[in-house]
Amino acid sequence: MNNMKLNLFLLAIALLAPTVLYPVFLAKVLCFALFACAFNLLLGFAGLLSFGHAAFLGTGGYVTGYLMINSGLTPELAIIMGTVAGGLLGAIFGKLAVKREGIYFAMVTLALAQLVFFFYLQAPFTNGEDGMQGVPRGALFGLIDLSDNTVMYYFVLAIFVAGFWVINRTVHSPFGQILKAIRENEDRAVSLGYDVNHYKLMAFVISAALAALAGSTKSLVFNLASLTDVHWHMSGEVILMTLVGGVGTIFGPLLGAGFIVSMQNYLSGGELGNYIHIIMGVVFVICVLSFRSGIVGQFAKFKRDNF
């Protein structure tokens, strides 16, 4: 009941937020929040650290952008196609990576993501470093014009809520419990008869598809799909978002994404703009040394110890 009240409270805040803050900024936060939540499904609940999740974010953006520019699809269909493309790429990555463990898994995902980055850098349809510009937002179901920023925000909010529900349902399902068992003690899960590589692969595909969903949506919000979304820096940023918010928590990645995106947004235009990556590095170090459970994790621990 308490979780239901919290969910409704947060949803009410999200619905009223455009009256206070710029809708495009809020939409950006939601896109990265979905990306971070998707990554957290893999790291926080399956115990798999991927350094290549930017490949799925960028793939969703490029596929959706290309379809919106060249095929005349409505935005919901283009987003679905971008999500499917990210899921298929995730299946390929996962098939090659899930048999590895620890740092070897992370390095395999990084190497594969770099291959994807160089493909998009050289592919003619992506326009290389210039990016795929002028991606139209289109009309939702052919009826609702998304050119209005407020309307676009509510569309992004609906996508985020749907994606968040999928993640929450996955975590609290029997499948999610098996993922937690694998994270805690993989050998024991094997001894109980579970095909751990199969479960890891399924988690990887779900995470990749949701990351692509975030990238597909982001390309419509900003009318742009660029190499920034495929670069390894983006994979590092989503790790930072998840760590700051709280690995293995439901709401941690949402809070972490909001914190990092807000910091980037408000510092980039000032005198500290040239030092934004240094500041993010300092935040990362402080989080690792002092708040290993992240903001949400530390709050939960404080509440548990004192109330």
Protein backbone atom coordinates (compact mmCIF):
# COMPACT_ATOMS: atom_id res chain seq x y z
CA MET A 1 0.00 0.00 0.00
CA ASN A 2 2.84 2.40 0.85
CA ASN A 3 4.49 1.70 -2.51
CA MET A 4 1.20 2.37 -4.28
CA LYS A 5 0.82 5.71 -2.50
CA LEU A 6 4.41 6.63 -3.36
CA ASN A 7 3.88 5.72 -7.02
CA LEU A 8 0.71 7.81 -7.21
CA PHE A 9 2.45 10.73 -5.49
CA LEU A 10 5.37 10.63 -7.94
CA LEU A 11 2.98 10.33 -10.89
CA ALA A 12 1.06 13.39 -9.67
CA ILE A 13 4.33 15.35 -9.46
CA ALA A 14 5.26 14.24 -12.98
CA LEU A 15 1.87 15.31 -14.35
CA LEU A 16 2.19 18.79 -12.80
CA ALA A 17 5.91 19.27 -13.50
CA PRO A 18 5.50 21.03 -16.91
CA THR A 19 3.76 23.91 -15.16
CA VAL A 20 6.99 24.61 -13.27
CA LEU A 21 9.87 23.37 -15.44
CA TYR A 22 10.68 23.38 -19.16
CA PRO A 23 8.96 20.35 -20.77
CA VAL A 24 11.93 19.45 -23.03
CA PHE A 25 14.26 19.32 -20.01
CA LEU A 26 11.77 17.12 -18.18
CA ALA A 27 11.45 14.85 -21.21
CA LYS A 28 15.23 14.52 -21.32
CA VAL A 29 15.30 13.52 -17.66
CA LEU A 30 12.66 10.86 -18.28
CA CYS A 31 14.53 9.45 -21.28
CA PHE A 32 17.72 9.09 -19.28
CA ALA A 33 15.79 7.80 -16.27
CA LEU A 34 14.38 4.99 -18.41
CA PHE A 35 17.87 4.31 -19.75
CA ALA A 36 19.28 4.13 -16.21
CA CYS A 37 16.41 1.93 -14.99
CA ALA A 38 17.04 -0.44 -17.90
CA PHE A 39 20.73 -0.59 -17.05
CA ASN A 40 19.93 -1.14 -13.37
CA LEU A 41 17.84 -4.18 -14.29
CA LEU A 42 21.02 -5.76 -15.59
CA LEU A 43 23.52 -4.54 -13.00
CA GLY A 44 21.38 -4.23 -9.88
CA PHE A 45 19.30 -7.38 -10.21
CA ALA A 46 21.34 -9.71 -12.44
CA GLY A 47 24.77 -8.58 -11.27
CA LEU A 48 26.07 -7.96 -14.82
CA LEU A 49 28.14 -4.81 -15.41
CA SER A 50 27.85 -3.75 -19.05
CA PHE A 51 30.15 -1.08 -20.48
CA GLY A 52 28.32 -1.12 -23.81
CA HIS A 53 24.75 -0.03 -23.10
CA ALA A 54 25.18 3.14 -25.14
CA ALA A 55 25.06 0.93 -28.25
CA PHE A 56 21.41 0.13 -27.56
CA LEU A 57 20.47 3.72 -26.72
CA GLY A 58 22.05 4.93 -29.97
CA THR A 59 20.64 2.10 -32.08
CA GLY A 60 17.12 2.91 -30.98
CA GLY A 61 17.69 6.56 -31.81
CA TYR A 62 19.18 5.94 -35.24
CA VAL A 63 16.58 3.38 -36.33
CA THR A 64 13.68 5.53 -35.18
CA GLY A 65 15.20 8.67 -36.69
CA TYR A 66 15.83 6.99 -40.04
CA LEU A 67 12.30 5.61 -40.20
CA MET A 68 10.73 8.95 -39.27
CA ILE A 69 12.73 10.76 -41.96
CA ASN A 70 12.47 8.23 -44.78
CA SER A 71 9.45 5.99 -44.29
CA GLY A 72 6.69 8.29 -43.08
CA LEU A 73 5.81 5.99 -40.17
CA THR A 74 3.89 7.39 -37.25
CA PRO A 75 6.07 7.95 -34.15
CA GLU A 76 4.70 5.06 -32.11
CA LEU A 77 5.53 2.59 -34.90
CA ALA A 78 9.00 4.06 -35.41
CA ILE A 79 9.67 3.81 -31.68
CA ILE A 80 8.53 0.18 -31.64
CA MET A 81 10.88 -0.61 -34.53
CA GLY A 82 13.76 1.13 -32.75
CA THR A 83 13.02 -0.85 -29.59
CA VAL A 84 12.92 -4.13 -31.51
CA ALA A 85 16.23 -3.29 -33.21
CA GLY A 86 17.82 -2.63 -29.81
CA GLY A 87 16.45 -5.91 -28.47
CA LEU A 88 17.85 -7.86 -31.43
CA LEU A 89 21.23 -6.20 -31.01
CA GLY A 90 21.04 -7.06 -27.32
CA ALA A 91 20.39 -10.71 -28.19
CA ILE A 92 23.58 -10.73 -30.29
CA PHE A 93 25.62 -8.99 -27.62
CA GLY A 94 24.20 -11.19 -24.90
CA LYS A 95 24.82 -14.42 -26.75
CA LEU A 96 28.49 -13.47 -27.07
CA ALA A 97 28.93 -12.02 -23.58
CA VAL A 98 26.83 -13.86 -20.96
CA LYS A 99 29.18 -16.85 -20.78
CA ARG A 100 31.86 -14.48 -19.48
CA GLU A 101 32.00 -13.21 -15.92
CA GLY A 102 33.15 -10.09 -14.11
CA ILE A 103 35.63 -7.86 -15.92
CA TYR A 104 35.65 -10.15 -18.95
CA PHE A 105 31.90 -9.63 -19.43
CA ALA A 106 32.36 -5.87 -19.12
CA MET A 107 35.23 -5.80 -21.62
CA VAL A 108 33.34 -7.91 -24.18
CA THR A 109 30.36 -5.53 -24.04
CA LEU A 110 32.68 -2.53 -24.36
CA ALA A 111 34.43 -4.03 -27.39
CA LEU A 112 31.14 -4.86 -29.11
CA ALA A 113 29.79 -1.37 -28.38
CA GLN A 114 32.87 0.19 -29.94
CA LEU A 115 32.26 -1.85 -33.10
CA VAL A 116 28.74 -0.42 -33.21
CA PHE A 117 30.11 3.11 -32.64
CA PHE A 118 32.50 2.84 -35.59
CA PHE A 119 29.75 1.37 -37.76
CA TYR A 120 27.53 4.39 -37.11
CA LEU A 121 30.50 6.70 -37.59
CA GLN A 122 31.12 5.31 -41.10
CA ALA A 123 27.56 4.48 -42.20
CA PRO A 124 26.29 7.00 -44.78
CA PHE A 125 22.73 7.19 -43.43
CA THR A 126 23.89 8.48 -40.01
CA ASN A 127 25.75 11.53 -41.40
CA GLY A 128 28.75 10.65 -39.26
CA GLU A 129 29.81 13.28 -36.73
CA ASP A 130 27.09 15.67 -37.92
CA GLY A 131 24.41 13.30 -36.70
CA MET A 132 20.98 12.54 -38.13
CA GLN A 133 19.37 15.95 -37.88
CA GLY A 134 15.83 17.08 -38.51
CA VAL A 135 14.09 13.98 -37.16
CA PRO A 136 10.37 14.88 -37.26
CA ARG A 137 8.20 14.21 -34.24
CA GLY A 138 5.20 13.40 -36.38
CA ALA A 139 1.66 12.84 -35.16
CA LEU A 140 0.85 10.18 -32.59
CA PHE A 141 -1.48 7.59 -34.17
CA GLY A 142 -1.69 10.05 -37.05
CA LEU A 143 -3.92 12.29 -34.90
CA ILE A 144 -2.00 14.02 -32.08
CA ASP A 145 0.65 16.51 -33.18
CA LEU A 146 3.81 16.07 -31.09
CA SER A 147 5.44 19.32 -32.21
CA ASP A 148 4.12 20.98 -29.06
CA ASN A 149 6.69 20.46 -26.29
CA THR A 150 4.11 19.90 -23.57
CA VAL A 151 2.28 17.26 -25.59
CA MET A 152 5.64 15.63 -26.34
CA TYR A 153 6.45 15.56 -22.63
CA TYR A 154 3.26 13.72 -21.74
CA PHE A 155 3.95 11.23 -24.52
CA VAL A 156 7.43 10.62 -23.09
CA LEU A 157 5.93 10.31 -19.61
CA ALA A 158 3.54 7.63 -20.84
CA ILE A 159 6.45 5.72 -22.39
CA PHE A 160 8.49 6.02 -19.20
CA VAL A 161 5.61 4.78 -17.04
CA ALA A 162 5.13 1.80 -19.35
CA GLY A 163 8.85 0.99 -19.34
CA PHE A 164 9.10 1.45 -15.57
CA TRP A 165 6.12 -0.87 -15.08
CA VAL A 166 7.83 -3.55 -17.19
CA ILE A 167 10.99 -3.27 -15.09
CA ASN A 168 9.09 -3.29 -11.80
CA ARG A 169 7.00 -6.27 -12.88
CA THR A 170 10.10 -8.13 -14.06
CA VAL A 171 11.96 -7.54 -10.79
CA HIS A 172 9.06 -8.77 -8.66
CA SER A 173 8.25 -11.79 -10.82
CA PRO A 174 9.61 -15.33 -10.31
CA PHE A 175 12.00 -14.53 -13.15
CA GLY A 176 13.30 -11.54 -11.20
CA GLN A 177 13.77 -13.66 -8.08
CA ILE A 178 15.89 -16.11 -10.07
CA LEU A 179 18.00 -13.19 -11.35
CA LYS A 180 18.60 -12.11 -7.76
CA ALA A 181 19.60 -15.66 -6.85
CA ILE A 182 22.09 -15.70 -9.72
CA ARG A 183 23.47 -12.35 -8.60
CA GLU A 184 23.93 -13.53 -5.02
CA ASN A 185 25.29 -17.01 -5.67
CA GLU A 186 25.51 -18.23 -9.26
CA ASP A 187 26.97 -21.62 -8.35
CA ARG A 188 24.06 -22.34 -6.05
CA ALA A 189 21.58 -21.33 -8.74
CA VAL A 190 23.28 -23.79 -11.09
CA SER A 191 23.08 -26.52 -8.46
CA LEU A 192 19.32 -25.91 -8.19
CA GLY A 193 18.99 -26.70 -11.89
CA TYR A 194 18.62 -23.23 -13.39
CA ASP A 195 20.15 -22.48 -16.78
CA VAL A 196 21.84 -19.29 -15.59
CA ASN A 197 23.10 -18.27 -19.03
CA HIS A 198 19.55 -18.41 -20.37
CA TYR A 199 18.28 -16.14 -17.58
CA LYS A 200 21.20 -13.75 -18.03
CA LEU A 201 20.52 -13.57 -21.75
CA MET A 202 16.84 -12.83 -21.20
CA ALA A 203 17.71 -10.06 -18.72
CA PHE A 204 20.24 -8.64 -21.17
CA VAL A 205 17.71 -8.56 -24.03
CA ILE A 206 15.02 -6.90 -21.88
CA SER A 207 17.51 -4.32 -20.65
CA ALA A 208 18.79 -3.63 -24.17
CA ALA A 209 15.26 -3.24 -25.58
CA LEU A 210 14.28 -0.77 -22.86
CA ALA A 211 17.52 1.17 -23.40
CA ALA A 212 16.67 1.34 -27.11
CA LEU A 213 13.17 2.52 -26.19
CA ALA A 214 14.77 5.40 -24.28
CA GLY A 215 17.02 6.22 -27.26
CA SER A 216 14.13 6.07 -29.71
CA THR A 217 12.10 8.48 -27.62
CA LYS A 218 15.07 10.80 -27.12
CA SER A 219 15.62 11.12 -30.88
CA LEU A 220 12.07 12.47 -31.26
CA VAL A 221 12.38 14.85 -28.31
CA PHE A 222 15.51 16.51 -29.70
CA ASN A 223 14.87 15.88 -33.44
CA LEU A 224 18.34 14.35 -33.50
CA ALA A 225 20.21 11.04 -33.38
CA SER A 226 23.94 11.50 -32.87
CA LEU A 227 27.18 9.68 -32.13
CA THR A 228 27.08 11.04 -28.57
CA ASP A 229 24.43 8.46 -27.72
CA VAL A 230 26.64 5.59 -28.98
CA HIS A 231 29.92 6.77 -27.46
CA TRP A 232 31.43 4.89 -24.53
CA HIS A 233 31.14 8.08 -22.48
CA MET A 234 27.38 7.53 -22.50
CA SER A 235 27.87 4.02 -21.12
CA GLY A 236 29.93 5.59 -18.34
CA GLU A 237 27.26 8.19 -17.62
CA VAL A 238 24.52 5.62 -17.17
CA ILE A 239 26.74 3.73 -14.72
CA LEU A 240 27.23 6.97 -12.80
CA MET A 241 23.48 7.69 -12.78
CA THR A 242 22.77 4.23 -11.40
CA LEU A 243 25.49 4.38 -8.74
CA VAL A 244 24.50 7.85 -7.56
CA GLY A 245 20.83 6.90 -7.28
CA GLY A 246 21.34 3.41 -5.86
CA VAL A 247 22.19 0.13 -7.57
CA GLY A 248 19.57 -2.55 -7.06
CA THR A 249 16.84 -0.12 -6.00
CA ILE A 250 13.68 0.61 -7.96
CA PHE A 251 13.69 4.41 -7.75
CA GLY A 252 17.44 4.96 -7.44
CA PRO A 253 18.22 5.19 -11.18
CA LEU A 254 15.36 7.67 -11.62
CA LEU A 255 16.77 9.93 -8.92
CA GLY A 256 20.34 9.46 -10.17
CA ALA A 257 19.38 10.34 -13.74
CA GLY A 258 17.56 13.46 -12.55
CA PHE A 259 20.58 14.52 -10.50
CA ILE A 260 23.17 14.00 -13.25
CA VAL A 261 21.07 15.51 -16.07
CA SER A 262 20.23 18.53 -13.91
CA MET A 263 23.88 19.00 -13.01
CA GLN A 264 24.92 18.83 -16.65
CA ASN A 265 22.14 21.18 -17.72
CA TYR A 266 22.75 23.90 -15.16
CA LEU A 267 26.55 23.77 -15.10
CA SER A 268 27.17 23.53 -18.84
CA GLY A 269 26.01 27.08 -19.50
CA GLY A 270 28.15 28.70 -16.81
CA GLU A 271 31.81 29.17 -16.01
CA LEU A 272 32.08 25.57 -14.82
CA GLY A 273 30.96 24.19 -18.18
CA ASN A 274 34.52 23.30 -19.21
CA TYR A 275 34.98 21.30 -16.02
CA ILE A 276 31.74 19.32 -16.13
CA HIS A 277 33.49 15.97 -16.65
CA ILE A 278 35.89 16.66 -13.78
CA ILE A 279 32.94 17.50 -11.53
CA MET A 280 31.16 14.31 -12.57
CA GLY A 281 34.32 12.37 -11.80
CA VAL A 282 34.47 13.92 -8.32
CA VAL A 283 30.81 13.01 -7.76
CA PHE A 284 31.57 9.45 -8.84
CA VAL A 285 34.52 9.16 -6.43
CA ILE A 286 32.50 10.60 -3.52
CA CYS A 287 29.64 8.23 -4.26
CA VAL A 288 31.89 5.17 -4.40
CA LEU A 289 33.79 6.09 -1.22
CA SER A 290 30.97 7.46 0.93
CA PHE A 291 27.61 6.41 -0.53
CA ARG A 292 28.12 2.94 -1.91
CA SER A 293 24.39 2.25 -1.71
CA GLY A 294 23.55 5.47 -3.55
CA ILE A 295 21.12 8.14 -2.39
CA VAL A 296 18.08 5.86 -2.22
CA GLY A 297 20.06 3.00 -0.72
CA GLN A 298 21.54 5.20 2.00
CA PHE A 299 18.13 6.65 2.82
CA ALA A 300 16.64 3.16 3.10
CA LYS A 301 19.51 2.09 5.34
CA PHE A 302 19.10 5.17 7.55
CA LYS A 303 15.36 4.54 7.82
CA ARG A 304 15.92 0.88 8.64
CA ASP A 305 18.47 1.66 11.36
CA ASN A 306 16.61 4.51 13.01
CA PHE A 307 12.90 3.80 12.69
